[in-house]
Amino acid sequence: MDSTGLKYIGAGLCMLATAGSAIGEGMLIAKAMEGMSRNPEMYGKLRTGMILGSALDETTSIYSLLVAILCLFVG
């Protein structure tokens, strides 16, 4: 297999990491919403933690996308 095919395989694997990150972010938000519905007094703390966790989880997707773009256009 030539390097062109490997380049596309590498970009596809990077996008699998993005899919995993999206699933994790969905689970994170679902659990935060569940916690807010069970204990409304903790809404502020749960929301802050949810937003921080979502931002950290989203960076995984952004880095995976960056690596995929680098694989396709630079390599």
PDB file of N, CA and C in Angstrom:
ATOM      1  N   MET A   1       0.848  -1.173   0.000  1.00  0.00           N
ATOM      2  CA  MET A   1       0.000   0.000   0.000  1.00  0.00           C
ATOM      3  C   MET A   1       0.899   1.242   0.000  1.00  0.00           C
ATOM      4  N   ASP A   2       0.554   2.176  -0.833  1.00  0.00           N
ATOM      5  CA  ASP A   2       1.362   3.395  -0.911  1.00  0.00           C
ATOM      6  C   ASP A   2       0.990   4.361   0.210  1.00  0.00           C
ATOM      7  N   SER A   3       1.746   5.430   0.297  1.00  0.00           N
ATOM      8  CA  SER A   3       1.543   6.372   1.404  1.00  0.00           C
ATOM      9  C   SER A   3       0.227   7.132   1.292  1.00  0.00           C
ATOM     10  N   THR A   4      -0.346   7.210   0.087  1.00  0.00           N
ATOM     11  CA  THR A   4      -1.619   7.909  -0.061  1.00  0.00           C
ATOM     12  C   THR A   4      -2.729   7.160   0.670  1.00  0.00           C
ATOM     13  N   GLY A   5      -2.741   5.841   0.543  1.00  0.00           N
ATOM     14  CA  GLY A   5      -3.750   5.049   1.234  1.00  0.00           C
ATOM     15  C   GLY A   5      -3.591   5.103   2.740  1.00  0.00           C
ATOM     16  N   LEU A   6      -2.357   5.062   3.209  1.00  0.00           N
ATOM     17  CA  LEU A   6      -2.107   5.131   4.649  1.00  0.00           C
ATOM     18  C   LEU A   6      -2.519   6.485   5.222  1.00  0.00           C
ATOM     19  N   LYS A   7      -2.383   7.507   4.413  1.00  0.00           N
ATOM     20  CA  LYS A   7      -2.775   8.850   4.836  1.00  0.00           C
ATOM     21  C   LYS A   7      -4.272   8.895   5.132  1.00  0.00           C
ATOM     22  N   TYR A   8      -5.071   8.273   4.281  1.00  0.00           N
ATOM     23  CA  TYR A   8      -6.518   8.259   4.478  1.00  0.00           C
ATOM     24  C   TYR A   8      -6.923   7.366   5.656  1.00  0.00           C
ATOM     25  N   ILE A   9      -6.214   6.271   5.843  1.00  0.00           N
ATOM     26  CA  ILE A   9      -6.490   5.397   6.975  1.00  0.00           C
ATOM     27  C   ILE A   9      -6.191   6.129   8.287  1.00  0.00           C
ATOM     28  N   GLY A  10      -5.086   6.850   8.335  1.00  0.00           N
ATOM     29  CA  GLY A  10      -4.738   7.620   9.528  1.00  0.00           C
ATOM     30  C   GLY A  10      -5.765   8.702   9.832  1.00  0.00           C
ATOM     31  N   ALA A  11      -6.252   9.380   8.800  1.00  0.00           N
ATOM     32  CA  ALA A  11      -7.267  10.411   9.011  1.00  0.00           C
ATOM     33  C   ALA A  11      -8.568   9.794   9.511  1.00  0.00           C
ATOM     34  N   GLY A  12      -8.911   8.619   8.987  1.00  0.00           N
ATOM     35  CA  GLY A  12     -10.118   7.932   9.453  1.00  0.00           C
ATOM     36  C   GLY A  12     -10.016   7.498  10.896  1.00  0.00           C
ATOM     37  N   LEU A  13      -8.851   7.026  11.297  1.00  0.00           N
ATOM     38  CA  LEU A  13      -8.657   6.637  12.696  1.00  0.00           C
ATOM     39  C   LEU A  13      -8.758   7.841  13.625  1.00  0.00           C
ATOM     40  N   CYS A  14      -8.284   8.976  13.171  1.00  0.00           N
ATOM     41  CA  CYS A  14      -8.421  10.194  13.974  1.00  0.00           C
ATOM     42  C   CYS A  14      -9.884  10.562  14.149  1.00  0.00           C
ATOM     43  N   MET A  15     -10.695  10.340  13.136  1.00  0.00           N
ATOM     44  CA  MET A  15     -12.106  10.659  13.249  1.00  0.00           C
ATOM     45  C   MET A  15     -12.834   9.673  14.164  1.00  0.00           C
ATOM     46  N   LEU A  16     -12.314   8.462  14.326  1.00  0.00           N
ATOM     47  CA  LEU A  16     -12.887   7.540  15.311  1.00  0.00           C
ATOM     48  C   LEU A  16     -12.702   8.095  16.724  1.00  0.00           C
ATOM     49  N   ALA A  17     -11.579   8.736  16.965  1.00  0.00           N
ATOM     50  CA  ALA A  17     -11.364   9.368  18.270  1.00  0.00           C
ATOM     51  C   ALA A  17     -12.375  10.493  18.486  1.00  0.00           C
ATOM     52  N   THR A  18     -12.736  11.183  17.430  1.00  0.00           N
ATOM     53  CA  THR A  18     -13.736  12.238  17.531  1.00  0.00           C
ATOM     54  C   THR A  18     -15.101  11.658  17.879  1.00  0.00           C
ATOM     55  N   ALA A  19     -15.418  10.507  17.299  1.00  0.00           N
ATOM     56  CA  ALA A  19     -16.701   9.861  17.605  1.00  0.00           C
ATOM     57  C   ALA A  19     -16.740   9.438  19.071  1.00  0.00           C
ATOM     58  N   GLY A  20     -15.653   8.901  19.573  1.00  0.00           N
ATOM     59  CA  GLY A  20     -15.600   8.519  20.982  1.00  0.00           C
ATOM     60  C   GLY A  20     -15.747   9.710  21.899  1.00  0.00           C
ATOM     61  N   SER A  21     -15.162  10.811  21.519  1.00  0.00           N
ATOM     62  CA  SER A  21     -15.277  12.029  22.304  1.00  0.00           C
ATOM     63  C   SER A  21     -16.718  12.541  22.321  1.00  0.00           C
ATOM     64  N   ALA A  22     -17.400  12.440  21.203  1.00  0.00           N
ATOM     65  CA  ALA A  22     -18.796  12.891  21.130  1.00  0.00           C
ATOM     66  C   ALA A  22     -19.691  12.025  22.015  1.00  0.00           C
ATOM     67  N   ILE A  23     -19.446  10.729  22.023  1.00  0.00           N
ATOM     68  CA  ILE A  23     -20.228   9.836  22.886  1.00  0.00           C
ATOM     69  C   ILE A  23     -19.975  10.173  24.355  1.00  0.00           C
ATOM     70  N   GLY A  24     -18.729  10.397  24.702  1.00  0.00           N
ATOM     71  CA  GLY A  24     -18.389  10.758  26.076  1.00  0.00           C
ATOM     72  C   GLY A  24     -19.014  12.073  26.500  1.00  0.00           C
ATOM     73  N   GLU A  25     -19.035  13.035  25.598  1.00  0.00           N
ATOM     74  CA  GLU A  25     -19.625  14.332  25.925  1.00  0.00           C
ATOM     75  C   GLU A  25     -21.136  14.201  26.117  1.00  0.00           C
ATOM     76  N   GLY A  26     -21.773  13.386  25.312  1.00  0.00           N
ATOM     77  CA  GLY A  26     -23.207  13.153  25.484  1.00  0.00           C
ATOM     78  C   GLY A  26     -23.521  12.506  26.821  1.00  0.00           C
ATOM     79  N   MET A  27     -22.695  11.542  27.211  1.00  0.00           N
ATOM     80  CA  MET A  27     -22.894  10.888  28.506  1.00  0.00           C
ATOM     81  C   MET A  27     -22.667  11.868  29.652  1.00  0.00           C
ATOM     82  N   LEU A  28     -21.669  12.719  29.510  1.00  0.00           N
ATOM     83  CA  LEU A  28     -21.370  13.721  30.531  1.00  0.00           C
ATOM     84  C   LEU A  28     -22.543  14.667  30.743  1.00  0.00           C
ATOM     85  N   ILE A  29     -23.107  15.153  29.674  1.00  0.00           N
ATOM     86  CA  ILE A  29     -24.216  16.092  29.774  1.00  0.00           C
ATOM     87  C   ILE A  29     -25.473  15.388  30.299  1.00  0.00           C
ATOM     88  N   ALA A  30     -25.694  14.145  29.863  1.00  0.00           N
ATOM     89  CA  ALA A  30     -26.859  13.404  30.347  1.00  0.00           C
ATOM     90  C   ALA A  30     -26.790  13.199  31.857  1.00  0.00           C
ATOM     91  N   LYS A  31     -25.634  12.843  32.360  1.00  0.00           N
ATOM     92  CA  LYS A  31     -25.491  12.631  33.805  1.00  0.00           C
ATOM     93  C   LYS A  31     -25.624  13.936  34.585  1.00  0.00           C
ATOM     94  N   ALA A  32     -25.121  15.032  34.020  1.00  0.00           N
ATOM     95  CA  ALA A  32     -25.265  16.329  34.688  1.00  0.00           C
ATOM     96  C   ALA A  32     -26.732  16.737  34.750  1.00  0.00           C
ATOM     97  N   MET A  33     -27.468  16.516  33.654  1.00  0.00           N
ATOM     98  CA  MET A  33     -28.895  16.839  33.659  1.00  0.00           C
ATOM     99  C   MET A  33     -29.656  15.961  34.654  1.00  0.00           C
ATOM    100  N   GLU A  34     -29.267  14.701  34.736  1.00  0.00           N
ATOM    101  CA  GLU A  34     -29.892  13.811  35.711  1.00  0.00           C
ATOM    102  C   GLU A  34     -29.632  14.287  37.139  1.00  0.00           C
ATOM    103  N   GLY A  35     -28.408  14.715  37.401  1.00  0.00           N
ATOM    104  CA  GLY A  35     -28.075  15.235  38.718  1.00  0.00           C
ATOM    105  C   GLY A  35     -28.832  16.514  39.041  1.00  0.00           C
ATOM    106  N   MET A  36     -29.010  17.373  38.032  1.00  0.00           N
ATOM    107  CA  MET A  36     -29.756  18.612  38.247  1.00  0.00           C
ATOM    108  C   MET A  36     -31.231  18.324  38.536  1.00  0.00           C
ATOM    109  N   SER A  37     -31.770  17.306  37.896  1.00  0.00           N
ATOM    110  CA  SER A  37     -33.181  17.001  38.140  1.00  0.00           C
ATOM    111  C   SER A  37     -33.377  16.355  39.507  1.00  0.00           C
ATOM    112  N   ARG A  38     -32.390  15.628  39.988  1.00  0.00           N
ATOM    113  CA  ARG A  38     -32.510  14.989  41.300  1.00  0.00           C
ATOM    114  C   ARG A  38     -32.249  15.965  42.449  1.00  0.00           C
ATOM    115  N   ASN A  39     -31.375  16.938  42.209  1.00  0.00           N
ATOM    116  CA  ASN A  39     -31.000  17.869  43.270  1.00  0.00           C
ATOM    117  C   ASN A  39     -30.921  19.286  42.694  1.00  0.00           C
ATOM    118  N   PRO A  40     -32.043  19.969  42.569  1.00  0.00           N
ATOM    119  CA  PRO A  40     -32.053  21.296  41.934  1.00  0.00           C
ATOM    120  C   PRO A  40     -31.202  22.347  42.649  1.00  0.00           C
ATOM    121  N   GLU A  41     -30.926  22.167  43.939  1.00  0.00           N
ATOM    122  CA  GLU A  41     -30.123  23.154  44.662  1.00  0.00           C
ATOM    123  C   GLU A  41     -28.681  23.188  44.164  1.00  0.00           C
ATOM    124  N   MET A  42     -28.220  22.102  43.576  1.00  0.00           N
ATOM    125  CA  MET A  42     -26.838  22.012  43.099  1.00  0.00           C
ATOM    126  C   MET A  42     -26.697  22.432  41.638  1.00  0.00           C
ATOM    127  N   TYR A  43     -27.722  23.091  41.097  1.00  0.00           N
ATOM    128  CA  TYR A  43     -27.727  23.454  39.684  1.00  0.00           C
ATOM    129  C   TYR A  43     -26.488  24.235  39.264  1.00  0.00           C
ATOM    130  N   GLY A  44     -26.117  25.235  40.037  1.00  0.00           N
ATOM    131  CA  GLY A  44     -24.973  26.084  39.680  1.00  0.00           C
ATOM    132  C   GLY A  44     -23.670  25.315  39.628  1.00  0.00           C
ATOM    133  N   LYS A  45     -23.406  24.497  40.637  1.00  0.00           N
ATOM    134  CA  LYS A  45     -22.163  23.729  40.671  1.00  0.00           C
ATOM    135  C   LYS A  45     -22.143  22.661  39.584  1.00  0.00           C
ATOM    136  N   LEU A  46     -23.286  22.007  39.366  1.00  0.00           N
ATOM    137  CA  LEU A  46     -23.332  20.978  38.333  1.00  0.00           C
ATOM    138  C   LEU A  46     -23.170  21.586  36.941  1.00  0.00           C
ATOM    139  N   ARG A  47     -23.792  22.741  36.709  1.00  0.00           N
ATOM    140  CA  ARG A  47     -23.673  23.395  35.413  1.00  0.00           C
ATOM    141  C   ARG A  47     -22.239  23.816  35.146  1.00  0.00           C
ATOM    142  N   THR A  48     -21.590  24.381  36.164  1.00  0.00           N
ATOM    143  CA  THR A  48     -20.191  24.795  36.002  1.00  0.00           C
ATOM    144  C   THR A  48     -19.293  23.604  35.690  1.00  0.00           C
ATOM    145  N   GLY A  49     -19.489  22.521  36.419  1.00  0.00           N
ATOM    146  CA  GLY A  49     -18.706  21.312  36.164  1.00  0.00           C
ATOM    147  C   GLY A  49     -18.991  20.717  34.803  1.00  0.00           C
ATOM    148  N   MET A  50     -20.264  20.773  34.387  1.00  0.00           N
ATOM    149  CA  MET A  50     -20.635  20.238  33.076  1.00  0.00           C
ATOM    150  C   MET A  50     -19.983  21.048  31.950  1.00  0.00           C
ATOM    151  N   ILE A  51     -19.998  22.353  32.070  1.00  0.00           N
ATOM    152  CA  ILE A  51     -19.407  23.198  31.032  1.00  0.00           C
ATOM    153  C   ILE A  51     -17.897  22.994  30.979  1.00  0.00           C
ATOM    154  N   LEU A  52     -17.261  22.911  32.128  1.00  0.00           N
ATOM    155  CA  LEU A  52     -15.821  22.675  32.165  1.00  0.00           C
ATOM    156  C   LEU A  52     -15.478  21.304  31.580  1.00  0.00           C
ATOM    157  N   GLY A  53     -16.239  20.291  31.961  1.00  0.00           N
ATOM    158  CA  GLY A  53     -16.008  18.950  31.421  1.00  0.00           C
ATOM    159  C   GLY A  53     -16.240  18.881  29.929  1.00  0.00           C
ATOM    160  N   SER A  54     -17.274  19.572  29.449  1.00  0.00           N
ATOM    161  CA  SER A  54     -17.544  19.595  28.006  1.00  0.00           C
ATOM    162  C   SER A  54     -16.414  20.282  27.246  1.00  0.00           C
ATOM    163  N   ALA A  55     -15.898  21.351  27.805  1.00  0.00           N
ATOM    164  CA  ALA A  55     -14.795  22.051  27.141  1.00  0.00           C
ATOM    165  C   ALA A  55     -13.552  21.178  27.071  1.00  0.00           C
ATOM    166  N   LEU A  56     -13.252  20.480  28.155  1.00  0.00           N
ATOM    167  CA  LEU A  56     -12.089  19.589  28.144  1.00  0.00           C
ATOM    168  C   LEU A  56     -12.283  18.413  27.195  1.00  0.00           C
ATOM    169  N   ASP A  57     -13.501  17.904  27.144  1.00  0.00           N
ATOM    170  CA  ASP A  57     -13.786  16.783  26.250  1.00  0.00           C
ATOM    171  C   ASP A  57     -13.758  17.223  24.791  1.00  0.00           C
ATOM    172  N   GLU A  58     -14.200  18.428  24.534  1.00  0.00           N
ATOM    173  CA  GLU A  58     -14.222  18.934  23.160  1.00  0.00           C
ATOM    174  C   GLU A  58     -12.812  19.150  22.612  1.00  0.00           C
ATOM    175  N   THR A  59     -11.854  19.435  23.484  1.00  0.00           N
ATOM    176  CA  THR A  59     -10.489  19.615  22.997  1.00  0.00           C
ATOM    177  C   THR A  59      -9.948  18.332  22.374  1.00  0.00           C
ATOM    178  N   THR A  60     -10.391  17.175  22.865  1.00  0.00           N
ATOM    179  CA  THR A  60      -9.975  15.910  22.258  1.00  0.00           C
ATOM    180  C   THR A  60     -10.442  15.838  20.813  1.00  0.00           C
ATOM    181  N   SER A  61     -11.670  16.246  20.553  1.00  0.00           N
ATOM    182  CA  SER A  61     -12.198  16.246  19.189  1.00  0.00           C
ATOM    183  C   SER A  61     -11.442  17.229  18.298  1.00  0.00           C
ATOM    184  N   ILE A  62     -11.145  18.387  18.849  1.00  0.00           N
ATOM    185  CA  ILE A  62     -10.457  19.404  18.047  1.00  0.00           C
ATOM    186  C   ILE A  62      -9.045  18.941  17.696  1.00  0.00           C
ATOM    187  N   TYR A  63      -8.346  18.340  18.657  1.00  0.00           N
ATOM    188  CA  TYR A  63      -7.003  17.839  18.367  1.00  0.00           C
ATOM    189  C   TYR A  63      -7.041  16.683  17.375  1.00  0.00           C
ATOM    190  N   SER A  64      -8.035  15.823  17.472  1.00  0.00           N
ATOM    191  CA  SER A  64      -8.164  14.721  16.514  1.00  0.00           C
ATOM    192  C   SER A  64      -8.427  15.261  15.113  1.00  0.00           C
ATOM    193  N   LEU A  65      -9.276  16.266  15.016  1.00  0.00           N
ATOM    194  CA  LEU A  65      -9.543  16.884  13.716  1.00  0.00           C
ATOM    195  C   LEU A  65      -8.285  17.539  13.160  1.00  0.00           C
ATOM    196  N   LEU A  66      -7.529  18.194  14.013  1.00  0.00           N
ATOM    197  CA  LEU A  66      -6.283  18.826  13.583  1.00  0.00           C
ATOM    198  C   LEU A  66      -5.298  17.794  13.049  1.00  0.00           C
ATOM    199  N   VAL A  67      -5.160  16.672  13.747  1.00  0.00           N
ATOM    200  CA  VAL A  67      -4.247  15.621  13.292  1.00  0.00           C
ATOM    201  C   VAL A  67      -4.731  15.029  11.979  1.00  0.00           C
ATOM    202  N   ALA A  68      -6.048  14.846  11.816  1.00  0.00           N
ATOM    203  CA  ALA A  68      -6.591  14.316  10.575  1.00  0.00           C
ATOM    204  C   ALA A  68      -6.315  15.262   9.399  1.00  0.00           C
ATOM    205  N   ILE A  69      -6.496  16.548   9.625  1.00  0.00           N
ATOM    206  CA  ILE A  69      -6.208  17.536   8.572  1.00  0.00           C
ATOM    207  C   ILE A  69      -4.721  17.537   8.233  1.00  0.00           C
ATOM    208  N   LEU A  70      -3.885  17.438   9.245  1.00  0.00           N
ATOM    209  CA  LEU A  70      -2.438  17.370   8.989  1.00  0.00           C
ATOM    210  C   LEU A  70      -2.072  16.119   8.203  1.00  0.00           C
ATOM    211  N   CYS A  71      -2.709  14.996   8.530  1.00  0.00           N
ATOM    212  CA  CYS A  71      -2.445  13.762   7.786  1.00  0.00           C
ATOM    213  C   CYS A  71      -2.828  13.918   6.318  1.00  0.00           C
ATOM    214  N   LEU A  72      -3.957  14.564   6.065  1.00  0.00           N
ATOM    215  CA  LEU A  72      -4.440  14.663   4.685  1.00  0.00           C
ATOM    216  C   LEU A  72      -3.667  15.672   3.845  1.00  0.00           C
ATOM    217  N   PHE A  73      -3.369  16.831   4.409  1.00  0.00           N
ATOM    218  CA  PHE A  73      -2.846  17.901   3.592  1.00  0.00           C
ATOM    219  C   PHE A  73      -1.369  18.185   3.748  1.00  0.00           C
ATOM    220  N   VAL A  74      -0.755  17.755   4.843  1.00  0.00           N
ATOM    221  CA  VAL A  74       0.665  18.063   5.045  1.00  0.00           C
ATOM    222  C   VAL A  74       1.537  16.876   4.705  1.00  0.00           C
ATOM    223  N   GLY A  75       1.101  15.687   5.143  1.00  0.00           N
ATOM    224  CA  GLY A  75       1.931  14.488   5.003  1.00  0.00           C
ATOM    225  C   GLY A  75       2.126  14.041   3.653  1.00  0.00           C
TER     226      GLY A  75
END
